[in-house]
Amino acid sequence: MGNADREIVQYLVHRAKKGDKEAFSRLVRIMMKDVVALTFRMTQDRDSAFDLAQETFVSAWQSLRSFRQEAKFESWLYRIAANKALNYLKQRSRQPVASIDSLETEVLVSGFSPHNPEQLLRAKEMQKGVLEFMAELPDQQRLVFDLRFYKELTFEEIAKITGKAVGTVKTHYRQAIIKLRAFAERKGWRP
């Protein structure tokens, strides 16, 4: 998120904290895709991802007045979404990866042209593979991997979101990367 976007979000948060529902609606429109993407990668279920995203925004609206703005709004929102997803995962048994085509997701690998069918196919296969890999990770490792890999957050930001120590976050990420290398080797992925 660029500085201009961050300023807009800060302004909208300020307005929403004063009860401006339209400002909060704009925040939802700005952040919905990111929250759904996070909950989808955590749950591997399209419907649950959308439900959890909606629950996240309801909780955020209800708790917005207590948001002290010590962290970025996005980090605070990701923490709510992550907790919702982790609670959801505790309540259900794990199921295999849902179809990648069931949810519009961003292309993971840069340099792929949406106009080149061969590159698009490889990108979709890579997306499916990464989602398959993530489904194998324990919940905390999956969350840390998602926030670092997709959101490109710092370990300190991830620690705030997850409520874990920075060292624990780094350990979860390192373990996920080791597992990713083994997964990539099994799949025959080349660097």
C-alpha atoms as a PDB file:
ATOM      1  CA  MET A   1       0.000   0.000   0.000  1.00  0.00           C
ATOM      2  CA  GLY A   2       1.470   3.332  -1.043  1.00  0.00           C
ATOM      3  CA  ASN A   3       1.713   6.464   1.099  1.00  0.00           C
ATOM      4  CA  ALA A   4      -1.276   8.093  -0.616  1.00  0.00           C
ATOM      5  CA  ASP A   5      -3.391   4.977  -0.016  1.00  0.00           C
ATOM      6  CA  ARG A   6      -2.222   4.794   3.600  1.00  0.00           C
ATOM      7  CA  GLU A   7      -3.214   8.436   4.120  1.00  0.00           C
ATOM      8  CA  ILE A   8      -6.651   7.720   2.705  1.00  0.00           C
ATOM      9  CA  VAL A   9      -7.021   4.710   5.001  1.00  0.00           C
ATOM     10  CA  GLN A  10      -5.936   6.776   8.008  1.00  0.00           C
ATOM     11  CA  TYR A  11      -8.445   9.477   7.113  1.00  0.00           C
ATOM     12  CA  LEU A  12     -11.231   6.917   6.668  1.00  0.00           C
ATOM     13  CA  VAL A  13     -10.347   5.234   9.973  1.00  0.00           C
ATOM     14  CA  HIS A  14     -10.467   8.619  11.699  1.00  0.00           C
ATOM     15  CA  ARG A  15     -13.921   9.286  10.201  1.00  0.00           C
ATOM     16  CA  ALA A  16     -15.191   5.761  10.902  1.00  0.00           C
ATOM     17  CA  LYS A  17     -14.091   5.972  14.551  1.00  0.00           C
ATOM     18  CA  LYS A  18     -16.462   8.925  14.845  1.00  0.00           C
ATOM     19  CA  GLY A  19     -19.311   6.742  13.580  1.00  0.00           C
ATOM     20  CA  ASP A  20     -19.160   7.568   9.854  1.00  0.00           C
ATOM     21  CA  LYS A  21     -20.597   4.410   8.288  1.00  0.00           C
ATOM     22  CA  GLU A  22     -19.819   5.549   4.746  1.00  0.00           C
ATOM     23  CA  ALA A  23     -16.139   5.938   5.653  1.00  0.00           C
ATOM     24  CA  PHE A  24     -16.139   2.423   7.075  1.00  0.00           C
ATOM     25  CA  SER A  25     -17.860   1.121   3.929  1.00  0.00           C
ATOM     26  CA  ARG A  26     -15.030   2.616   1.885  1.00  0.00           C
ATOM     27  CA  LEU A  27     -12.511   0.887   4.168  1.00  0.00           C
ATOM     28  CA  VAL A  28     -14.322  -2.392   3.552  1.00  0.00           C
ATOM     29  CA  ARG A  29     -14.152  -1.854  -0.214  1.00  0.00           C
ATOM     30  CA  ILE A  30     -10.438  -1.031  -0.003  1.00  0.00           C
ATOM     31  CA  MET A  31      -9.483  -3.947   2.261  1.00  0.00           C
ATOM     32  CA  MET A  32     -11.974  -6.695   1.346  1.00  0.00           C
ATOM     33  CA  LYS A  33      -9.826  -8.341  -1.344  1.00  0.00           C
ATOM     34  CA  ASP A  34      -6.803  -8.588   0.971  1.00  0.00           C
ATOM     35  CA  VAL A  35      -8.847  -9.957   3.870  1.00  0.00           C
ATOM     36  CA  VAL A  36     -10.611 -12.530   1.674  1.00  0.00           C
ATOM     37  CA  ALA A  37      -7.273 -13.583   0.183  1.00  0.00           C
ATOM     38  CA  LEU A  38      -5.822 -14.104   3.678  1.00  0.00           C
ATOM     39  CA  THR A  39      -8.825 -16.071   4.946  1.00  0.00           C
ATOM     40  CA  PHE A  40      -8.954 -18.147   1.761  1.00  0.00           C
ATOM     41  CA  ARG A  41      -5.312 -19.106   1.955  1.00  0.00           C
ATOM     42  CA  MET A  42      -5.811 -20.026   5.607  1.00  0.00           C
ATOM     43  CA  THR A  43      -9.031 -22.040   5.187  1.00  0.00           C
ATOM     44  CA  GLN A  44      -8.735 -23.259   1.587  1.00  0.00           C
ATOM     45  CA  ASP A  45     -12.503 -22.807   1.340  1.00  0.00           C
ATOM     46  CA  ARG A  46     -14.117 -20.069  -0.760  1.00  0.00           C
ATOM     47  CA  ASP A  47     -17.386 -19.764   1.151  1.00  0.00           C
ATOM     48  CA  SER A  48     -15.685 -19.838   4.538  1.00  0.00           C
ATOM     49  CA  ALA A  49     -13.201 -17.221   3.362  1.00  0.00           C
ATOM     50  CA  PHE A  50     -15.980 -14.802   2.457  1.00  0.00           C
ATOM     51  CA  ASP A  51     -17.867 -15.552   5.689  1.00  0.00           C
ATOM     52  CA  LEU A  52     -14.754 -14.985   7.781  1.00  0.00           C
ATOM     53  CA  ALA A  53     -13.985 -11.761   5.922  1.00  0.00           C
ATOM     54  CA  GLN A  54     -17.481 -10.493   6.654  1.00  0.00           C
ATOM     55  CA  GLU A  55     -17.133 -11.498  10.310  1.00  0.00           C
ATOM     56  CA  THR A  56     -13.796  -9.696  10.381  1.00  0.00           C
ATOM     57  CA  PHE A  57     -15.344  -6.439   9.221  1.00  0.00           C
ATOM     58  CA  VAL A  58     -18.291  -6.768  11.617  1.00  0.00           C
ATOM     59  CA  SER A  59     -15.852  -7.269  14.499  1.00  0.00           C
ATOM     60  CA  ALA A  60     -13.706  -4.391  13.257  1.00  0.00           C
ATOM     61  CA  TRP A  61     -16.720  -2.060  13.148  1.00  0.00           C
ATOM     62  CA  GLN A  62     -17.774  -3.115  16.649  1.00  0.00           C
ATOM     63  CA  SER A  63     -14.254  -2.622  18.023  1.00  0.00           C
ATOM     64  CA  LEU A  64     -13.178   0.361  15.946  1.00  0.00           C
ATOM     65  CA  ARG A  65     -13.590   2.913  18.726  1.00  0.00           C
ATOM     66  CA  SER A  66     -11.086   0.948  20.824  1.00  0.00           C
ATOM     67  CA  PHE A  67      -8.525   0.869  17.960  1.00  0.00           C
ATOM     68  CA  ARG A  68      -5.699   3.039  19.329  1.00  0.00           C
ATOM     69  CA  GLN A  69      -3.833   3.387  16.043  1.00  0.00           C
ATOM     70  CA  GLU A  70      -0.564   2.226  17.611  1.00  0.00           C
ATOM     71  CA  ALA A  71      -0.347  -0.200  14.673  1.00  0.00           C
ATOM     72  CA  LYS A  72      -1.442   0.287  11.095  1.00  0.00           C
ATOM     73  CA  PHE A  73      -5.142  -0.314  10.500  1.00  0.00           C
ATOM     74  CA  GLU A  74      -4.270  -3.042   7.990  1.00  0.00           C
ATOM     75  CA  SER A  75      -2.223  -4.923  10.603  1.00  0.00           C
ATOM     76  CA  TRP A  76      -5.027  -4.603  13.148  1.00  0.00           C
ATOM     77  CA  LEU A  77      -7.533  -5.874  10.587  1.00  0.00           C
ATOM     78  CA  TYR A  78      -5.267  -8.785   9.567  1.00  0.00           C
ATOM     79  CA  ARG A  79      -5.000  -9.751  13.232  1.00  0.00           C
ATOM     80  CA  ILE A  80      -8.777  -9.941  13.507  1.00  0.00           C
ATOM     81  CA  ALA A  81      -8.986 -11.955  10.278  1.00  0.00           C
ATOM     82  CA  ALA A  82      -6.159 -14.261  11.351  1.00  0.00           C
ATOM     83  CA  ASN A  83      -7.807 -14.949  14.696  1.00  0.00           C
ATOM     84  CA  LYS A  84     -11.124 -15.662  12.994  1.00  0.00           C
ATOM     85  CA  ALA A  85      -9.428 -18.052  10.557  1.00  0.00           C
ATOM     86  CA  LEU A  86      -7.452 -19.821  13.294  1.00  0.00           C
ATOM     87  CA  ASN A  87     -10.608 -20.255  15.389  1.00  0.00           C
ATOM     88  CA  TYR A  88     -12.434 -21.578  12.337  1.00  0.00           C
ATOM     89  CA  LEU A  89      -9.642 -24.088  11.669  1.00  0.00           C
ATOM     90  CA  LYS A  90      -9.763 -25.292  15.270  1.00  0.00           C
ATOM     91  CA  GLN A  91     -13.487 -25.975  14.906  1.00  0.00           C
ATOM     92  CA  ARG A  92     -13.295 -28.059  11.762  1.00  0.00           C
ATOM     93  CA  SER A  93     -11.136 -30.865  10.590  1.00  0.00           C
ATOM     94  CA  ARG A  94      -8.763 -30.022   7.769  1.00  0.00           C
ATOM     95  CA  GLN A  95      -9.918 -30.672   4.268  1.00  0.00           C
ATOM     96  CA  PRO A  96      -7.944 -30.702   1.016  1.00  0.00           C
ATOM     97  CA  VAL A  97      -7.378 -27.649  -1.129  1.00  0.00           C
ATOM     98  CA  ALA A  98     -10.414 -26.121  -2.804  1.00  0.00           C
ATOM     99  CA  SER A  99     -10.335 -25.422  -6.506  1.00  0.00           C
ATOM    100  CA  ILE A 100      -8.108 -22.491  -7.359  1.00  0.00           C
ATOM    101  CA  ASP A 101     -10.611 -21.458 -10.010  1.00  0.00           C
ATOM    102  CA  SER A 102     -13.331 -21.042  -7.389  1.00  0.00           C
ATOM    103  CA  LEU A 103     -11.846 -17.759  -6.239  1.00  0.00           C
ATOM    104  CA  GLU A 104     -10.212 -14.994  -8.233  1.00  0.00           C
ATOM    105  CA  THR A 105      -6.719 -14.737  -6.823  1.00  0.00           C
ATOM    106  CA  GLU A 106      -3.842 -12.596  -7.845  1.00  0.00           C
ATOM    107  CA  VAL A 107      -1.053 -14.120  -9.866  1.00  0.00           C
ATOM    108  CA  LEU A 108       1.640 -15.215  -7.439  1.00  0.00           C
ATOM    109  CA  VAL A 109       4.568 -15.185  -9.756  1.00  0.00           C
ATOM    110  CA  SER A 110       5.549 -11.852 -11.231  1.00  0.00           C
ATOM    111  CA  GLY A 111       6.427 -11.603 -14.878  1.00  0.00           C
ATOM    112  CA  PHE A 112       3.480 -13.653 -16.098  1.00  0.00           C
ATOM    113  CA  SER A 113       1.410 -12.036 -18.779  1.00  0.00           C
ATOM    114  CA  PRO A 114      -2.358 -12.558 -18.571  1.00  0.00           C
ATOM    115  CA  HIS A 115      -2.333 -12.478 -22.381  1.00  0.00           C
ATOM    116  CA  ASN A 116       0.081 -15.401 -22.724  1.00  0.00           C
ATOM    117  CA  PRO A 117      -1.899 -18.643 -22.190  1.00  0.00           C
ATOM    118  CA  GLU A 118       1.199 -20.743 -21.499  1.00  0.00           C
ATOM    119  CA  GLN A 119       2.473 -18.347 -18.842  1.00  0.00           C
ATOM    120  CA  LEU A 120      -1.006 -18.025 -17.345  1.00  0.00           C
ATOM    121  CA  LEU A 121      -1.309 -21.810 -17.110  1.00  0.00           C
ATOM    122  CA  ARG A 122       2.079 -22.067 -15.378  1.00  0.00           C
ATOM    123  CA  ALA A 123       1.081 -19.288 -12.972  1.00  0.00           C
ATOM    124  CA  LYS A 124      -2.193 -21.056 -12.115  1.00  0.00           C
ATOM    125  CA  GLU A 125      -0.333 -24.325 -11.583  1.00  0.00           C
ATOM    126  CA  MET A 126       2.104 -22.512  -9.294  1.00  0.00           C
ATOM    127  CA  GLN A 127      -0.797 -20.914  -7.396  1.00  0.00           C
ATOM    128  CA  LYS A 128      -2.426 -24.285  -6.947  1.00  0.00           C
ATOM    129  CA  GLY A 129       0.863 -25.776  -5.801  1.00  0.00           C
ATOM    130  CA  VAL A 130       1.466 -23.036  -3.228  1.00  0.00           C
ATOM    131  CA  LEU A 131      -2.072 -23.434  -1.882  1.00  0.00           C
ATOM    132  CA  GLU A 132      -1.546 -27.200  -1.701  1.00  0.00           C
ATOM    133  CA  PHE A 133       1.712 -26.603   0.174  1.00  0.00           C
ATOM    134  CA  MET A 134       0.053 -24.158   2.566  1.00  0.00           C
ATOM    135  CA  ALA A 135      -2.681 -26.673   3.355  1.00  0.00           C
ATOM    136  CA  GLU A 136       0.029 -28.998   4.702  1.00  0.00           C
ATOM    137  CA  LEU A 137       1.408 -26.413   7.132  1.00  0.00           C
ATOM    138  CA  PRO A 138       0.332 -26.201  10.762  1.00  0.00           C
ATOM    139  CA  ASP A 139      -2.003 -23.249  11.293  1.00  0.00           C
ATOM    140  CA  GLN A 140       0.511 -20.881  12.909  1.00  0.00           C
ATOM    141  CA  GLN A 141       3.169 -21.576  10.266  1.00  0.00           C
ATOM    142  CA  ARG A 142       0.562 -21.069   7.536  1.00  0.00           C
ATOM    143  CA  LEU A 143      -0.443 -17.713   8.992  1.00  0.00           C
ATOM    144  CA  VAL A 144       3.151 -16.481   9.353  1.00  0.00           C
ATOM    145  CA  PHE A 145       4.051 -17.722   5.855  1.00  0.00           C
ATOM    146  CA  ASP A 146       0.991 -15.993   4.392  1.00  0.00           C
ATOM    147  CA  LEU A 147       1.657 -12.661   6.072  1.00  0.00           C
ATOM    148  CA  ARG A 148       5.345 -12.689   5.104  1.00  0.00           C
ATOM    149  CA  PHE A 149       5.046 -14.150   1.583  1.00  0.00           C
ATOM    150  CA  TYR A 150       1.832 -12.515   0.358  1.00  0.00           C
ATOM    151  CA  LYS A 151       1.574  -9.355   2.447  1.00  0.00           C
ATOM    152  CA  GLU A 152       5.351  -8.837   2.659  1.00  0.00           C
ATOM    153  CA  LEU A 153       5.063  -7.747   6.277  1.00  0.00           C
ATOM    154  CA  THR A 154       8.097  -7.490   8.516  1.00  0.00           C
ATOM    155  CA  PHE A 155       8.642 -10.040  11.260  1.00  0.00           C
ATOM    156  CA  GLU A 156       7.880  -7.308  13.801  1.00  0.00           C
ATOM    157  CA  GLU A 157       4.523  -6.550  12.143  1.00  0.00           C
ATOM    158  CA  ILE A 158       3.685 -10.251  12.010  1.00  0.00           C
ATOM    159  CA  ALA A 159       4.568 -10.584  15.701  1.00  0.00           C
ATOM    160  CA  LYS A 160       2.096  -7.811  16.537  1.00  0.00           C
ATOM    161  CA  ILE A 161      -0.624  -9.411  14.402  1.00  0.00           C
ATOM    162  CA  THR A 162      -0.147 -12.905  15.797  1.00  0.00           C
ATOM    163  CA  GLY A 163       0.665 -11.922  19.367  1.00  0.00           C
ATOM    164  CA  LYS A 164       3.839 -14.046  19.197  1.00  0.00           C
ATOM    165  CA  ALA A 165       7.434 -13.089  19.934  1.00  0.00           C
ATOM    166  CA  VAL A 166       9.543 -12.033  16.942  1.00  0.00           C
ATOM    167  CA  GLY A 167      11.806 -15.052  17.474  1.00  0.00           C
ATOM    168  CA  THR A 168       8.810 -17.390  17.390  1.00  0.00           C
ATOM    169  CA  VAL A 169       7.557 -15.765  14.196  1.00  0.00           C
ATOM    170  CA  LYS A 170      10.986 -16.167  12.579  1.00  0.00           C
ATOM    171  CA  THR A 171      11.074 -19.823  13.645  1.00  0.00           C
ATOM    172  CA  HIS A 172       7.619 -20.474  12.166  1.00  0.00           C
ATOM    173  CA  TYR A 173       8.673 -18.808   8.918  1.00  0.00           C
ATOM    174  CA  ARG A 174      11.984 -20.670   8.747  1.00  0.00           C
ATOM    175  CA  GLN A 175      10.218 -23.993   9.331  1.00  0.00           C
ATOM    176  CA  ALA A 176       7.685 -23.154   6.611  1.00  0.00           C
ATOM    177  CA  ILE A 177      10.481 -22.318   4.166  1.00  0.00           C
ATOM    178  CA  ILE A 178      12.251 -25.608   4.928  1.00  0.00           C
ATOM    179  CA  LYS A 179       8.984 -27.418   4.254  1.00  0.00           C
ATOM    180  CA  LEU A 180       8.450 -25.384   1.065  1.00  0.00           C
ATOM    181  CA  ARG A 181      11.875 -26.440  -0.232  1.00  0.00           C
ATOM    182  CA  ALA A 182      11.055 -30.098   0.457  1.00  0.00           C
ATOM    183  CA  PHE A 183       7.633 -29.675  -1.163  1.00  0.00           C
ATOM    184  CA  ALA A 184       9.193 -27.993  -4.209  1.00  0.00           C
ATOM    185  CA  GLU A 185      11.696 -30.820  -4.535  1.00  0.00           C
ATOM    186  CA  ARG A 186       8.896 -33.422  -4.391  1.00  0.00           C
ATOM    187  CA  LYS A 187       6.999 -31.509  -7.065  1.00  0.00           C
ATOM    188  CA  GLY A 188      10.065 -31.104  -9.250  1.00  0.00           C
ATOM    189  CA  TRP A 189       9.950 -27.301  -9.205  1.00  0.00           C
ATOM    190  CA  ARG A 190      13.076 -25.650 -10.479  1.00  0.00           C
ATOM    191  CA  PRO A 191      14.430 -22.274  -9.313  1.00  0.00           C
END
